Amino acid sequence: MKNLEYKGYTGTIEYSSEDELLFGKVIGIKSLLSYEGSTGAELEADFRAVIDEYLEDCRASDKKPEKPFKGSFNVRIPSDLHRDAALKAMELNTSLNGFVSESIRARLLQ
């Protein structure tokens, strides 16, 4: 397991040899949510507790929780690559977004 997953949130897993402690933070949101534990089970339990506490705090303050990895992001690429991708997408009768999504998916499966 490279990351922790809970209720749509993803957390890192790191180790501090100095403190002999596992720790991590929730990624994909601006809020800083961190957790720790002496064992994997403790780390995962604290991760879940931090997410539950964050969601409860949002509910209590009538604040919408941040949604991790919303599905949109800006990518800066050379103009010739942009042109080639757009032309290839048209050739394949798909949108540029669809072409980029499929390209990323294919690369992740390698």
C-alpha atoms as a PDB file:
ATOM      1  CA  MET A   1       0.000   0.000   0.000  1.00  0.00           C
ATOM      2  CA  LYS A   2       1.496   3.304  -1.092  1.00  0.00           C
ATOM      3  CA  ASN A   3      -1.283   5.565   0.211  1.00  0.00           C
ATOM      4  CA  LEU A   4      -4.247   5.473   2.540  1.00  0.00           C
ATOM      5  CA  GLU A   5      -7.783   5.896   1.128  1.00  0.00           C
ATOM      6  CA  TYR A   6     -10.936   6.807   3.041  1.00  0.00           C
ATOM      7  CA  LYS A   7     -14.174   8.520   1.996  1.00  0.00           C
ATOM      8  CA  GLY A   8     -12.591   9.742  -1.232  1.00  0.00           C
ATOM      9  CA  TYR A   9      -9.529  11.235   0.482  1.00  0.00           C
ATOM     10  CA  THR A  10      -5.957  10.068  -0.039  1.00  0.00           C
ATOM     11  CA  GLY A  11      -3.174  10.229   2.518  1.00  0.00           C
ATOM     12  CA  THR A  12       0.563   9.678   2.343  1.00  0.00           C
ATOM     13  CA  ILE A  13       2.551   7.179   4.389  1.00  0.00           C
ATOM     14  CA  GLU A  14       5.964   8.287   5.626  1.00  0.00           C
ATOM     15  CA  TYR A  15       8.368   7.163   8.327  1.00  0.00           C
ATOM     16  CA  SER A  16      10.545   9.191  10.686  1.00  0.00           C
ATOM     17  CA  SER A  17      13.486   7.074  11.845  1.00  0.00           C
ATOM     18  CA  GLU A  18      14.405   9.847  14.272  1.00  0.00           C
ATOM     19  CA  ASP A  19      11.028   9.632  16.009  1.00  0.00           C
ATOM     20  CA  GLU A  20      10.389   5.975  15.105  1.00  0.00           C
ATOM     21  CA  LEU A  21       6.944   7.084  13.990  1.00  0.00           C
ATOM     22  CA  LEU A  22       4.750   6.707  10.923  1.00  0.00           C
ATOM     23  CA  PHE A  23       3.091   9.911   9.750  1.00  0.00           C
ATOM     24  CA  GLY A  24       1.331  11.400   6.759  1.00  0.00           C
ATOM     25  CA  LYS A  25      -0.879  14.117   5.374  1.00  0.00           C
ATOM     26  CA  VAL A  26      -4.001  14.243   3.246  1.00  0.00           C
ATOM     27  CA  ILE A  27      -3.166  15.200  -0.335  1.00  0.00           C
ATOM     28  CA  GLY A  28      -5.254  16.838  -3.029  1.00  0.00           C
ATOM     29  CA  ILE A  29      -6.788  19.539  -0.805  1.00  0.00           C
ATOM     30  CA  LYS A  30      -5.553  22.907   0.461  1.00  0.00           C
ATOM     31  CA  SER A  31      -6.357  22.224   4.131  1.00  0.00           C
ATOM     32  CA  LEU A  32      -3.509  20.704   6.125  1.00  0.00           C
ATOM     33  CA  LEU A  33      -4.697  17.435   7.643  1.00  0.00           C
ATOM     34  CA  SER A  34      -1.975  15.304   9.214  1.00  0.00           C
ATOM     35  CA  TYR A  35      -1.914  12.105  11.254  1.00  0.00           C
ATOM     36  CA  GLU A  36       0.534   9.706  12.882  1.00  0.00           C
ATOM     37  CA  GLY A  37       0.897   6.339  14.530  1.00  0.00           C
ATOM     38  CA  SER A  38       3.430   3.905  15.946  1.00  0.00           C
ATOM     39  CA  THR A  39       2.063   1.049  13.821  1.00  0.00           C
ATOM     40  CA  GLY A  40       0.319   0.765  10.488  1.00  0.00           C
ATOM     41  CA  ALA A  41      -2.980   0.111  12.245  1.00  0.00           C
ATOM     42  CA  GLU A  42      -2.556   3.203  14.449  1.00  0.00           C
ATOM     43  CA  LEU A  43      -1.621   5.320  11.415  1.00  0.00           C
ATOM     44  CA  GLU A  44      -4.688   4.194   9.499  1.00  0.00           C
ATOM     45  CA  ALA A  45      -6.982   4.729  12.490  1.00  0.00           C
ATOM     46  CA  ASP A  46      -5.644   8.274  13.016  1.00  0.00           C
ATOM     47  CA  PHE A  47      -5.988   8.989   9.271  1.00  0.00           C
ATOM     48  CA  ARG A  48      -9.644   7.946   9.358  1.00  0.00           C
ATOM     49  CA  ALA A  49     -10.251   9.937  12.549  1.00  0.00           C
ATOM     50  CA  VAL A  50      -8.722  13.068  10.986  1.00  0.00           C
ATOM     51  CA  ILE A  51     -10.993  12.742   7.931  1.00  0.00           C
ATOM     52  CA  ASP A  52     -14.082  12.165  10.096  1.00  0.00           C
ATOM     53  CA  GLU A  53     -13.165  15.147  12.302  1.00  0.00           C
ATOM     54  CA  TYR A  54     -12.577  17.368   9.250  1.00  0.00           C
ATOM     55  CA  LEU A  55     -15.966  16.427   7.766  1.00  0.00           C
ATOM     56  CA  GLU A  56     -17.711  16.963  11.105  1.00  0.00           C
ATOM     57  CA  ASP A  57     -16.031  20.377  11.547  1.00  0.00           C
ATOM     58  CA  CYS A  58     -17.192  21.340   8.056  1.00  0.00           C
ATOM     59  CA  ARG A  59     -20.758  20.268   8.864  1.00  0.00           C
ATOM     60  CA  ALA A  60     -20.723  22.110  12.196  1.00  0.00           C
ATOM     61  CA  SER A  61     -19.486  25.337  10.606  1.00  0.00           C
ATOM     62  CA  ASP A  62     -21.748  24.960   7.542  1.00  0.00           C
ATOM     63  CA  LYS A  63     -18.653  24.871   5.329  1.00  0.00           C
ATOM     64  CA  LYS A  64     -18.453  22.730   2.202  1.00  0.00           C
ATOM     65  CA  PRO A  65     -15.599  20.186   2.555  1.00  0.00           C
ATOM     66  CA  GLU A  66     -12.883  20.400  -0.051  1.00  0.00           C
ATOM     67  CA  LYS A  67     -13.212  17.748  -2.718  1.00  0.00           C
ATOM     68  CA  PRO A  68      -9.876  16.129  -3.481  1.00  0.00           C
ATOM     69  CA  PHE A  69      -8.823  15.760  -7.099  1.00  0.00           C
ATOM     70  CA  LYS A  70     -11.834  17.468  -8.646  1.00  0.00           C
ATOM     71  CA  GLY A  71     -11.056  16.095 -12.079  1.00  0.00           C
ATOM     72  CA  SER A  72      -9.848  19.289 -13.703  1.00  0.00           C
ATOM     73  CA  PHE A  73      -6.355  20.710 -13.899  1.00  0.00           C
ATOM     74  CA  ASN A  74      -4.342  22.969 -16.163  1.00  0.00           C
ATOM     75  CA  VAL A  75      -1.422  21.531 -18.051  1.00  0.00           C
ATOM     76  CA  ARG A  76       1.152  23.635 -19.833  1.00  0.00           C
ATOM     77  CA  ILE A  77       2.638  21.918 -22.872  1.00  0.00           C
ATOM     78  CA  PRO A  78       4.488  23.136 -25.960  1.00  0.00           C
ATOM     79  CA  SER A  79       2.164  24.521 -28.634  1.00  0.00           C
ATOM     80  CA  ASP A  80       3.218  21.909 -31.190  1.00  0.00           C
ATOM     81  CA  LEU A  81       2.307  19.099 -28.760  1.00  0.00           C
ATOM     82  CA  HIS A  82      -1.051  20.794 -28.092  1.00  0.00           C
ATOM     83  CA  ARG A  83      -1.690  20.996 -31.857  1.00  0.00           C
ATOM     84  CA  ASP A  84      -0.680  17.372 -32.450  1.00  0.00           C
ATOM     85  CA  ALA A  85      -2.872  16.129 -29.604  1.00  0.00           C
ATOM     86  CA  ALA A  86      -5.860  18.146 -30.813  1.00  0.00           C
ATOM     87  CA  LEU A  87      -5.430  16.846 -34.367  1.00  0.00           C
ATOM     88  CA  LYS A  88      -5.088  13.252 -33.139  1.00  0.00           C
ATOM     89  CA  ALA A  89      -8.231  13.665 -31.015  1.00  0.00           C
ATOM     90  CA  MET A  90     -10.157  14.895 -34.071  1.00  0.00           C
ATOM     91  CA  GLU A  91      -8.803  11.986 -36.097  1.00  0.00           C
ATOM     92  CA  LEU A  92     -10.070   9.601 -33.399  1.00  0.00           C
ATOM     93  CA  ASN A  93     -13.408  11.435 -33.275  1.00  0.00           C
ATOM     94  CA  THR A  94     -13.045  12.346 -29.614  1.00  0.00           C
ATOM     95  CA  SER A  95     -12.508  15.524 -27.622  1.00  0.00           C
ATOM     96  CA  LEU A  96      -9.109  16.744 -26.532  1.00  0.00           C
ATOM     97  CA  ASN A  97     -10.156  16.060 -22.917  1.00  0.00           C
ATOM     98  CA  GLY A  98     -11.116  12.508 -23.839  1.00  0.00           C
ATOM     99  CA  PHE A  99      -7.842  11.987 -25.678  1.00  0.00           C
ATOM    100  CA  VAL A 100      -5.784  13.298 -22.750  1.00  0.00           C
ATOM    101  CA  SER A 101      -7.776  11.206 -20.262  1.00  0.00           C
ATOM    102  CA  GLU A 102      -7.246   8.041 -22.279  1.00  0.00           C
ATOM    103  CA  SER A 103      -3.543   8.841 -22.727  1.00  0.00           C
ATOM    104  CA  ILE A 104      -3.058   9.287 -19.008  1.00  0.00           C
ATOM    105  CA  ARG A 105      -5.044   6.117 -18.265  1.00  0.00           C
ATOM    106  CA  ALA A 106      -2.914   4.123 -20.725  1.00  0.00           C
ATOM    107  CA  ARG A 107       0.304   5.440 -19.186  1.00  0.00           C
ATOM    108  CA  LEU A 108      -0.857   4.577 -15.659  1.00  0.00           C
ATOM    109  CA  LEU A 109      -1.567   1.000 -16.716  1.00  0.00           C
ATOM    110  CA  GLN A 110       1.998   0.478 -17.965  1.00  0.00           C
END
